[in-house]
Amino acid sequence: MTTEEYPDHSSHKVLIQELKVLLAATGCLLKHTFCEGNQVADRLANMGVNQEDEMMLHVILLDDIIPLLEADMGHGF
């Protein structure tokens, strides 16, 4: 997503410019991946949307996450 995708009056333009400055200063790289390429994050996000508690801490790896983690690792991240 670039600033060119938003009109000059867009509130996103300033945010994107600030992010570019931060990324350049830290040397970080952002890369988009579809949910199929990061199934663990997708599953955890869906769990968070459906939970009633404000915060939940899992101290062990959930059984249904293990196969997703193995699949994600196969994508070469």
Protein backbone atom coordinates (compact mmCIF):
# COMPACT_ATOMS: atom_id res chain seq x y z
CA MET A 1 0.00 0.00 0.00
CA THR A 2 1.49 3.33 -0.95
CA THR A 3 0.54 6.95 -0.43
CA GLU A 4 -0.31 7.12 -4.12
CA GLU A 5 -3.30 4.88 -3.43
CA TYR A 6 -4.93 7.56 -1.26
CA PRO A 7 -6.02 11.08 -2.17
CA ASP A 8 -4.07 13.97 -0.61
CA HIS A 9 -6.83 14.62 1.93
CA SER A 10 -6.80 11.03 3.19
CA SER A 11 -6.03 10.46 6.86
CA HIS A 12 -4.06 7.36 5.83
CA LYS A 13 -1.46 9.36 3.91
CA VAL A 14 0.17 10.80 7.04
CA LEU A 15 0.17 7.43 8.78
CA ILE A 16 1.79 5.73 5.79
CA GLN A 17 4.45 8.45 5.56
CA GLU A 18 5.24 8.06 9.28
CA LEU A 19 5.50 4.29 8.90
CA LYS A 20 7.90 4.68 5.97
CA VAL A 21 10.15 6.92 8.08
CA LEU A 22 10.13 4.43 10.97
CA LEU A 23 10.84 1.49 8.67
CA ALA A 24 13.73 3.31 7.01
CA ALA A 25 15.21 4.29 10.38
CA THR A 26 15.02 0.76 11.80
CA GLY A 27 15.88 -1.19 8.66
CA CYS A 28 12.71 -3.26 9.07
CA LEU A 29 10.86 -4.70 6.12
CA LEU A 30 7.13 -5.31 5.98
CA LYS A 31 5.87 -8.04 3.72
CA HIS A 32 2.24 -8.90 3.11
CA THR A 33 1.19 -12.51 3.30
CA PHE A 34 -2.26 -13.94 2.83
CA CYS A 35 -3.87 -15.85 5.71
CA GLU A 36 -3.06 -19.11 3.89
CA GLY A 37 0.63 -18.29 4.29
CA ASN A 38 0.37 -17.50 7.99
CA GLN A 39 -2.26 -19.85 9.32
CA VAL A 40 -1.13 -19.56 12.96
CA ALA A 41 -1.68 -15.79 13.03
CA ASP A 42 -5.02 -16.22 11.25
CA ARG A 43 -6.18 -18.84 13.77
CA LEU A 44 -5.06 -16.79 16.78
CA ALA A 45 -6.74 -13.66 15.40
CA ASN A 46 -9.98 -15.57 14.93
CA MET A 47 -9.72 -16.92 18.47
CA GLY A 48 -9.28 -13.37 19.76
CA VAL A 49 -12.32 -12.11 17.91
CA ASN A 50 -14.49 -14.82 19.43
CA GLN A 51 -13.29 -14.65 23.03
CA GLU A 52 -15.19 -12.81 25.73
CA ASP A 53 -12.20 -12.20 28.03
CA GLU A 54 -10.23 -9.00 27.60
CA MET A 55 -6.99 -10.98 27.58
CA MET A 56 -6.13 -14.66 27.43
CA LEU A 57 -2.68 -16.17 27.94
CA HIS A 58 -1.83 -19.62 26.58
CA VAL A 59 1.21 -21.06 28.31
CA ILE A 60 1.28 -24.18 26.15
CA LEU A 61 0.97 -24.61 22.40
CA LEU A 62 -2.61 -25.51 21.55
CA ASP A 63 -3.02 -28.87 19.79
CA ASP A 64 -4.84 -27.35 16.83
CA ILE A 65 -2.03 -24.82 16.30
CA ILE A 66 0.75 -27.40 15.80
CA PRO A 67 -0.29 -28.55 12.29
CA LEU A 68 -0.82 -24.93 11.27
CA LEU A 69 2.65 -24.02 12.52
CA GLU A 70 4.16 -26.89 10.56
CA ALA A 71 2.31 -25.74 7.42
CA ASP A 72 3.49 -22.15 7.92
CA MET A 73 7.09 -23.32 8.29
CA GLY A 74 6.77 -25.08 4.94
CA HIS A 75 6.17 -21.72 3.24
CA GLY A 76 9.80 -20.71 3.77
CA PHE A 77 9.29 -17.79 6.11
